[in-house]
């Protein structure tokens, strides 16, 4: 098995400690030094003259940053706002979405735990029902996702919430087809998309979601605390921002729906304004170069871990179904109850004994390991992971 050809990338472009093997970019992406420097420069501009910054500089700068992000994801900047992360975006949608007693919100069993909690709270308060479609693995075709999902739709279904790339199973869901079928039924779709941005070529103009919630600190490597919310124009006036402030432009420009979201008192918007630097960082390397290299590493990790563990693939070995992150089932092991915290004991062991940062997660009562591969990841680090896993399995 030949090793992927690594792009000429210097690990020192990040501030990663030399002794750490970081295979969890999918949770918290380390910020490249150049992107962090851009963020610091914006913070310095704010700190040096806050009045001028907030009243005259901030809104045009946010518009420009959103325009660059819009180009990347095939969306009109007028339909987007910056928020801290996908969780804030999802909460904003949930708190604003109209639900009556007896209405249903449909999720599926690959969704992120925090998303379940968000919608469960709202459904409980509104006396609505949170329903969950079961999408069995292994998945072999698009219909294996679409059919069980839409079989769970009822006349009471008012919203479908679905991941673009699932968090526990790292599967790329066919969101364009999901949105198309939902439109035929007149059902809005809210996409949880933090893992898709940069990992995939995203076009919201083609997908046509009602809402799209995303974080940018993952594969795009923007600063931590940066995300966005996309809202279809028919819904923009119906959303309530999570924090209520003046609700108007500080610069005195004509009113826009984003005004309610841009001014939250003295929040430092430097992370949002550094998003173009993150886009430029990956663009300078090459989007396809980044995606191909990460996928090839994830592919080799998948093949080798499955061979080691004798476990079944969740999806076909195809970029249609996974990108720079892969989830692989592990053999049975120690229960979470044997750990002093909520982490799987193997997560702790891999860190303490091998300095490998990687999540081992429970999904449907089965243990899985999720491997994330970015430009700083090397084939030698995958080798180290396999050596460590072999020792754990044999112990």
Protein backbone atom coordinates (compact mmCIF):
# COMPACT_ATOMS: atom_id res chain seq x y z
CA UNK A 1 0.00 0.00 0.00
CA UNK A 2 1.73 3.17 -1.19
CA UNK A 3 1.71 6.25 1.02
CA UNK A 4 -0.13 9.36 -0.20
CA UNK A 5 2.15 11.98 -1.70
CA UNK A 6 2.17 14.76 0.84
CA UNK A 7 2.04 18.36 -0.44
CA UNK A 8 5.07 20.46 0.37
CA UNK A 9 3.64 21.84 3.61
CA UNK A 10 5.66 22.87 6.63
CA UNK A 11 4.09 21.78 9.94
CA UNK A 12 5.49 24.97 11.43
CA UNK A 13 2.69 26.84 9.61
CA UNK A 14 0.67 25.74 12.66
CA UNK A 15 1.55 26.03 16.35
CA UNK A 16 1.12 22.32 17.00
CA UNK A 17 3.53 20.93 19.62
CA UNK A 18 6.16 18.71 18.03
CA UNK A 19 5.30 15.70 20.20
CA UNK A 20 1.56 15.69 19.44
CA UNK A 21 -0.12 13.59 16.75
CA UNK A 22 -3.30 15.56 16.12
CA UNK A 23 -5.96 13.39 14.46
CA UNK A 24 -9.00 15.33 15.67
CA UNK A 25 -9.20 18.32 13.32
CA UNK A 26 -12.85 17.39 12.85
CA UNK A 27 -13.61 18.52 16.39
CA UNK A 28 -11.31 21.49 16.94
CA UNK A 29 -9.04 22.55 14.09
CA UNK A 30 -5.73 24.17 15.06
CA UNK A 31 -5.52 27.67 13.61
CA UNK A 32 -2.68 28.30 11.13
CA UNK A 33 -0.27 30.99 12.31
CA UNK A 34 -1.09 33.30 9.38
CA UNK A 35 -4.82 33.11 10.15
CA UNK A 36 -4.25 33.76 13.83
CA UNK A 37 -2.06 36.75 12.93
CA UNK A 38 -4.87 38.16 10.78
CA UNK A 39 -7.27 37.81 13.69
CA UNK A 40 -4.83 39.56 16.03
CA UNK A 41 -4.40 42.41 13.57
CA UNK A 42 -8.15 43.01 13.50
CA UNK A 43 -8.30 42.92 17.30
CA UNK A 44 -5.52 45.49 17.43
CA UNK A 45 -7.46 47.78 15.11
CA UNK A 46 -10.47 47.48 17.39
CA UNK A 47 -8.48 48.07 20.56
CA UNK A 48 -6.68 51.12 19.20
CA UNK A 49 -9.83 53.07 18.23
CA UNK A 50 -13.07 51.31 19.22
CA UNK A 51 -15.40 54.15 18.25
CA UNK A 52 -14.06 54.38 14.72
CA UNK A 53 -13.97 50.60 14.36
CA UNK A 54 -17.52 49.86 15.50
CA UNK A 55 -19.19 52.82 13.81
CA UNK A 56 -17.27 53.04 10.52
CA UNK A 57 -15.12 49.95 9.90
CA UNK A 58 -16.95 46.91 11.25
CA UNK A 59 -19.99 46.63 8.98
CA UNK A 60 -18.12 47.07 5.66
CA UNK A 61 -15.48 44.62 6.89
CA UNK A 62 -18.10 42.03 7.87
CA UNK A 63 -19.78 42.47 4.47
CA UNK A 64 -16.46 41.88 2.71
CA UNK A 65 -15.68 38.79 4.79
CA UNK A 66 -19.15 37.35 4.16
CA UNK A 67 -18.73 38.02 0.43
CA UNK A 68 -15.52 35.95 0.39
CA UNK A 69 -17.22 33.15 2.33
CA UNK A 70 -20.20 33.32 -0.02
CA UNK A 71 -17.94 32.78 -3.03
CA UNK A 72 -16.52 29.67 -1.38
CA UNK A 73 -19.87 28.07 -0.54
CA UNK A 74 -22.01 29.26 -3.46
CA UNK A 75 -24.22 31.58 -1.44
CA UNK A 76 -25.26 35.22 -1.57
CA UNK A 77 -23.71 37.15 1.33
CA UNK A 78 -27.05 38.91 1.82
CA UNK A 79 -28.48 35.60 3.02
CA UNK A 80 -25.83 34.93 5.69
CA UNK A 81 -24.73 36.14 9.09
CA UNK A 82 -21.65 35.34 11.14
CA UNK A 83 -22.28 33.53 14.44
CA UNK A 84 -19.93 31.91 16.94
CA UNK A 85 -20.46 28.35 15.70
CA UNK A 86 -22.99 25.86 14.35
CA UNK A 87 -24.45 25.35 17.82
CA UNK A 88 -25.39 29.04 18.09
CA UNK A 89 -26.85 28.92 14.58
CA UNK A 90 -28.90 25.81 15.33
CA UNK A 91 -30.19 27.31 18.58
CA UNK A 92 -31.27 30.44 16.69
CA UNK A 93 -33.24 28.38 14.18
CA UNK A 94 -34.79 26.21 16.88
CA UNK A 95 -35.84 29.12 19.06
CA UNK A 96 -37.49 30.87 16.10
CA UNK A 97 -39.07 28.00 14.21
CA UNK A 98 -42.88 27.92 14.57
CA UNK A 99 -44.12 24.71 16.18
CA UNK A 100 -47.58 23.94 17.50
CA UNK A 101 -48.68 21.10 19.79
CA UNK A 102 -48.56 17.84 17.86
CA UNK A 103 -46.11 19.07 15.20
CA UNK A 104 -43.05 16.94 14.47
CA UNK A 105 -39.37 17.70 13.83
CA UNK A 106 -37.52 14.85 12.10
CA UNK A 107 -33.89 13.98 12.84
CA UNK A 108 -32.02 10.72 12.25
CA UNK A 109 -29.80 8.49 14.33
CA UNK A 110 -26.54 9.86 12.85
CA UNK A 111 -27.10 13.35 14.23
CA UNK A 112 -24.89 15.23 16.67
CA UNK A 113 -25.92 14.91 20.31
CA UNK A 114 -26.08 18.66 20.92
CA UNK A 115 -28.46 19.06 17.97
CA UNK A 116 -30.77 16.45 19.48
CA UNK A 117 -30.78 18.32 22.80
CA UNK A 118 -31.52 21.65 21.12
CA UNK A 119 -34.56 20.35 19.28
CA UNK A 120 -35.75 18.18 22.16
CA UNK A 121 -35.94 21.22 24.43
CA UNK A 122 -37.91 23.22 21.89
CA UNK A 123 -40.26 20.33 21.12
CA UNK A 124 -40.89 19.71 24.81
CA UNK A 125 -41.69 23.38 25.38
CA UNK A 126 -44.05 23.57 22.39
CA UNK A 127 -45.62 20.15 23.08
CA UNK A 128 -44.31 19.01 19.71
CA UNK A 129 -42.64 15.68 18.96
CA UNK A 130 -39.00 15.03 18.08
CA UNK A 131 -38.94 11.97 15.82
CA UNK A 132 -35.86 10.08 14.72
CA UNK A 133 -35.39 8.05 11.54
CA UNK A 134 -33.07 5.06 11.73
CA UNK A 135 -30.60 4.94 8.83
CA UNK A 136 -28.90 1.53 9.04
CA UNK A 137 -25.30 0.85 8.11
CA UNK A 138 -23.66 -0.27 5.96
CA UNK A 139 -24.93 2.25 3.44
CA UNK A 140 -24.51 1.23 -0.20
CA UNK A 141 -26.49 3.85 -2.13
CA UNK A 142 -28.22 7.22 -1.89
CA UNK A 143 -31.54 5.41 -1.57
CA UNK A 144 -30.24 3.74 1.60
CA UNK A 145 -30.33 7.22 3.15
CA UNK A 146 -33.34 8.73 1.42
CA UNK A 147 -35.80 5.88 1.84
CA UNK A 148 -35.58 5.37 5.63
CA UNK A 149 -35.44 9.12 6.20
CA UNK A 150 -38.56 9.93 4.20
CA UNK A 151 -40.36 6.83 5.43
CA UNK A 152 -40.34 8.59 8.81
CA UNK A 153 -42.04 11.71 7.40
CA UNK A 154 -45.67 12.11 8.44
CA UNK A 155 -48.35 14.75 7.70
CA UNK A 156 -47.26 16.38 10.97
CA UNK A 157 -43.58 16.77 9.96
CA UNK A 158 -42.80 20.49 9.89
CA UNK A 159 -38.99 20.41 9.60
CA UNK A 160 -36.22 17.98 8.68
CA UNK A 161 -32.85 18.48 10.43
CA UNK A 162 -29.95 16.62 8.82
CA UNK A 163 -26.15 16.73 8.78
CA UNK A 164 -24.18 17.42 5.62
CA UNK A 165 -21.32 15.33 7.02
CA UNK A 166 -22.31 13.38 10.13
CA UNK A 167 -20.28 13.82 13.29
CA UNK A 168 -20.28 10.32 14.85
CA UNK A 169 -20.10 8.34 11.60
CA UNK A 170 -18.29 10.83 9.29
CA UNK A 171 -20.65 10.02 6.41
CA UNK A 172 -21.37 12.54 3.65
CA UNK A 173 -25.14 12.61 3.40
CA UNK A 174 -26.85 13.34 0.03
CA UNK A 175 -28.21 16.69 1.20
CA UNK A 176 -29.00 17.99 -2.29
CA UNK A 177 -31.33 15.05 -2.92
CA UNK A 178 -32.78 15.33 0.60
CA UNK A 179 -33.60 19.00 0.06
CA UNK A 180 -35.10 18.33 -3.37
CA UNK A 181 -37.45 15.66 -2.07
CA UNK A 182 -38.37 17.76 0.97
CA UNK A 183 -39.27 20.68 -1.32
CA UNK A 184 -41.67 18.43 -3.21
CA UNK A 185 -43.37 17.75 0.13
CA UNK A 186 -43.28 21.38 1.22
CA UNK A 187 -41.04 20.64 4.22
CA UNK A 188 -38.21 23.05 5.19
CA UNK A 189 -34.75 21.55 5.78
CA UNK A 190 -32.17 22.71 8.31
CA UNK A 191 -28.67 21.39 7.52
CA UNK A 192 -26.02 20.99 10.20
CA UNK A 193 -22.91 21.59 8.12
CA UNK A 194 -19.79 22.25 10.21
CA UNK A 195 -17.82 19.31 8.80
CA UNK A 196 -18.58 20.07 5.16
CA UNK A 197 -17.06 23.54 4.78
CA UNK A 198 -13.69 23.18 2.96
CA UNK A 199 -13.79 19.37 3.23
CA UNK A 200 -16.32 19.33 0.41
CA UNK A 201 -17.07 21.55 -2.56
CA UNK A 202 -20.24 23.20 -1.23
CA UNK A 203 -22.82 25.10 -3.26
CA UNK A 204 -25.80 26.30 -1.26
CA UNK A 205 -27.28 27.63 -4.50
CA UNK A 206 -27.43 24.03 -5.73
CA UNK A 207 -28.40 22.41 -2.42
CA UNK A 208 -31.14 24.99 -1.68
CA UNK A 209 -31.56 24.44 2.07
CA UNK A 210 -33.93 26.52 4.16
CA UNK A 211 -31.28 26.93 6.85
CA UNK A 212 -27.60 25.98 6.90
CA UNK A 213 -25.68 26.05 10.19
CA UNK A 214 -21.90 25.74 10.19
CA UNK A 215 -18.67 26.22 12.11
CA UNK A 216 -15.56 27.45 10.30
CA UNK A 217 -12.92 26.38 12.85
CA UNK A 218 -12.96 22.81 11.57
CA UNK A 219 -11.70 22.02 8.05
CA UNK A 220 -11.47 25.63 6.89
CA UNK A 221 -9.15 26.32 9.86
CA UNK A 222 -10.64 29.73 10.62
CA UNK A 223 -10.21 30.97 14.20
CA UNK A 224 -12.10 29.19 16.95
CA UNK A 225 -15.44 30.82 17.62
CA UNK A 226 -16.33 31.47 13.98
CA UNK A 227 -19.37 30.13 12.17
CA UNK A 228 -22.27 31.25 10.03
CA UNK A 229 -25.99 30.86 9.53
CA UNK A 230 -27.55 30.85 6.07
CA UNK A 231 -31.28 31.60 5.88
CA UNK A 232 -33.60 31.37 2.88
CA UNK A 233 -35.00 34.83 2.17
CA UNK A 234 -38.55 33.77 2.90
CA UNK A 235 -37.50 33.03 6.48
CA UNK A 236 -35.10 35.85 7.28
CA UNK A 237 -37.71 38.12 8.83
CA UNK A 238 -39.00 35.28 11.01
CA UNK A 239 -35.77 34.57 12.87
CA UNK A 240 -35.06 36.04 16.29
CA UNK A 241 -31.38 36.64 17.12
CA UNK A 242 -30.06 34.93 20.26
CA UNK A 243 -29.08 38.30 21.79
CA UNK A 244 -31.28 41.38 21.49
CA UNK A 245 -29.52 44.71 21.12
CA UNK A 246 -30.24 47.87 19.11
CA UNK A 247 -31.18 45.97 15.97
CA UNK A 248 -30.00 48.60 13.53
CA UNK A 249 -26.91 49.63 11.61
CA UNK A 250 -24.40 51.59 13.66
CA UNK A 251 -23.16 53.20 10.47
CA UNK A 252 -26.64 54.37 9.56
CA UNK A 253 -26.99 52.34 6.38
CA UNK A 254 -30.43 51.13 5.20
CA UNK A 255 -31.89 48.36 7.38
CA UNK A 256 -30.96 44.73 6.69
CA UNK A 257 -31.99 41.56 8.49
CA UNK A 258 -28.35 41.01 9.49
CA UNK A 259 -28.36 44.19 11.61
CA UNK A 260 -29.98 42.29 14.48
CA UNK A 261 -27.05 39.85 14.47
CA UNK A 262 -24.03 42.08 13.78
CA UNK A 263 -24.15 44.35 16.80
CA UNK A 264 -24.05 42.42 20.08
CA UNK A 265 -22.50 45.16 22.18
CA UNK A 266 -18.73 45.00 22.39
CA UNK A 267 -18.20 41.55 20.86
CA UNK A 268 -14.83 41.40 19.12
CA UNK A 269 -15.55 40.37 15.48
CA UNK A 270 -11.86 39.72 14.70
CA UNK A 271 -12.36 35.98 14.19
CA UNK A 272 -15.05 36.59 11.58
CA UNK A 273 -12.90 39.17 9.81
CA UNK A 274 -10.03 36.65 9.64
CA UNK A 275 -12.16 34.13 7.71
CA UNK A 276 -10.85 35.47 4.35
CA UNK A 277 -7.31 34.75 5.60
CA UNK A 278 -8.31 31.13 6.26
CA UNK A 279 -9.85 30.88 2.80
CA UNK A 280 -6.68 32.30 1.26
CA UNK A 281 -4.50 29.89 3.27
CA UNK A 282 -6.14 26.78 1.80
CA UNK A 283 -6.67 28.37 -1.60
CA UNK A 284 -2.93 29.05 -1.87
CA UNK A 285 -2.24 25.35 -1.32
CA UNK A 286 -5.07 24.23 -3.57
CA UNK A 287 -8.53 23.06 -2.54
CA UNK A 288 -8.27 19.80 -4.43
CA UNK A 289 -4.73 19.20 -3.20
CA UNK A 290 -5.98 19.51 0.37
CA UNK A 291 -9.04 17.32 -0.22
CA UNK A 292 -7.21 14.61 -2.17
CA UNK A 293 -4.37 14.30 0.33
CA UNK A 294 -6.67 14.18 3.35
CA UNK A 295 -8.97 11.65 1.69
CA UNK A 296 -6.09 9.38 0.71
CA UNK A 297 -4.80 9.36 4.28
CA UNK A 298 -8.29 8.71 5.66
CA UNK A 299 -8.73 5.92 3.11
CA UNK A 300 -5.52 4.20 4.19
CA UNK A 301 -6.41 4.61 7.85
CA UNK A 302 -9.82 3.06 7.18
CA UNK A 303 -8.44 0.09 5.25
CA UNK A 304 -5.74 -0.66 7.79
CA UNK A 305 -7.95 -0.30 10.88
CA UNK A 306 -10.68 -2.45 9.35
CA UNK A 307 -8.11 -5.11 8.46
CA UNK A 308 -6.71 -4.96 11.99
CA UNK A 309 -10.10 -5.14 13.70
CA UNK A 310 -11.98 -7.30 11.21
CA UNK A 311 -14.88 -4.84 11.19
CA UNK A 312 -17.28 -3.83 8.44
CA UNK A 313 -17.19 -0.54 6.49
CA UNK A 314 -20.00 1.92 7.16
CA UNK A 315 -20.01 3.25 3.57
CA UNK A 316 -18.50 2.39 0.18
CA UNK A 317 -14.84 3.28 -0.39
CA UNK A 318 -15.69 6.36 -2.42
CA UNK A 319 -15.18 10.12 -1.99
CA UNK A 320 -18.93 10.50 -2.47
CA UNK A 321 -19.37 9.04 1.02
CA UNK A 322 -16.42 10.34 3.04
CA UNK A 323 -13.77 12.99 2.73
CA UNK A 324 -10.84 13.86 4.99
CA UNK A 325 -12.40 12.16 8.03
CA UNK A 326 -13.39 8.53 8.51
CA UNK A 327 -15.13 6.56 11.25
CA UNK A 328 -14.25 2.89 11.72
CA UNK A 329 -15.87 0.38 14.06
CA UNK A 330 -13.62 -1.10 16.74
CA UNK A 331 -13.90 -4.45 18.47
CA UNK A 332 -15.64 -4.50 21.87
CA UNK A 333 -13.60 -2.99 24.67
CA UNK A 334 -13.83 -1.42 28.12
CA UNK A 335 -17.12 0.26 28.94
CA UNK A 336 -17.37 4.01 29.31
CA UNK A 337 -18.47 3.28 32.85
CA UNK A 338 -14.91 2.20 33.61
CA UNK A 339 -13.66 5.69 32.74
CA UNK A 340 -13.65 8.47 35.37
CA UNK A 341 -15.08 10.86 32.75
CA UNK A 342 -17.18 10.66 29.60
CA UNK A 343 -14.23 9.74 27.36
CA UNK A 344 -13.64 6.21 26.18
CA UNK A 345 -10.65 4.76 28.06
CA UNK A 346 -8.85 4.24 24.75
CA UNK A 347 -9.05 7.96 24.02
CA UNK A 348 -7.19 8.56 27.28
CA UNK A 349 -4.68 5.78 26.70
CA UNK A 350 -3.85 6.92 23.17
CA UNK A 351 -3.19 10.41 24.52
CA UNK A 352 -1.32 9.49 27.69
CA UNK A 353 0.87 6.76 26.21
CA UNK A 354 1.28 7.88 22.59
CA UNK A 355 0.39 11.62 22.52
CA UNK A 356 -2.31 10.90 19.93
CA UNK A 357 -5.36 13.17 20.03
CA UNK A 358 -8.24 11.18 18.57
CA UNK A 359 -11.83 10.45 19.64
CA UNK A 360 -13.13 6.96 20.35
CA UNK A 361 -16.91 7.27 20.41
CA UNK A 362 -19.92 5.13 21.22
CA UNK A 363 -22.53 4.97 18.47
CA UNK A 364 -25.48 2.59 18.83
CA UNK A 365 -23.69 0.79 21.63
CA UNK A 366 -20.67 0.03 19.45
CA UNK A 367 -17.24 1.62 19.76
CA UNK A 368 -15.83 3.56 16.82
CA UNK A 369 -12.67 5.57 16.19
CA UNK A 370 -12.82 8.72 14.06
CA UNK A 371 -9.66 9.71 12.19
CA UNK A 372 -9.29 13.28 10.86
CA UNK A 373 -6.54 14.09 8.36
CA UNK A 374 -5.38 17.59 7.47
CA UNK A 375 -2.36 18.94 5.62
CA UNK A 376 -0.08 18.62 8.65
CA UNK A 377 -0.97 14.91 9.06
CA UNK A 378 1.68 12.45 7.83
CA UNK A 379 1.59 8.78 6.82
CA UNK A 380 4.05 8.11 9.66
CA UNK A 381 1.47 9.39 12.14
CA UNK A 382 -1.09 6.94 10.77
CA UNK A 383 1.55 4.22 11.23
CA UNK A 384 1.94 5.25 14.87
CA UNK A 385 -1.82 5.12 15.37
CA UNK A 386 -1.97 1.59 13.94
CA UNK A 387 0.88 0.44 16.16
CA UNK A 388 -0.88 1.87 19.21
CA UNK A 389 -4.24 0.32 18.27
CA UNK A 390 -2.58 -3.06 17.72
CA UNK A 391 -1.14 -2.92 21.23
CA UNK A 392 -4.52 -1.97 22.70
CA UNK A 393 -6.36 -4.76 20.91
CA UNK A 394 -3.79 -7.33 21.97
CA UNK A 395 -3.66 -6.19 25.60
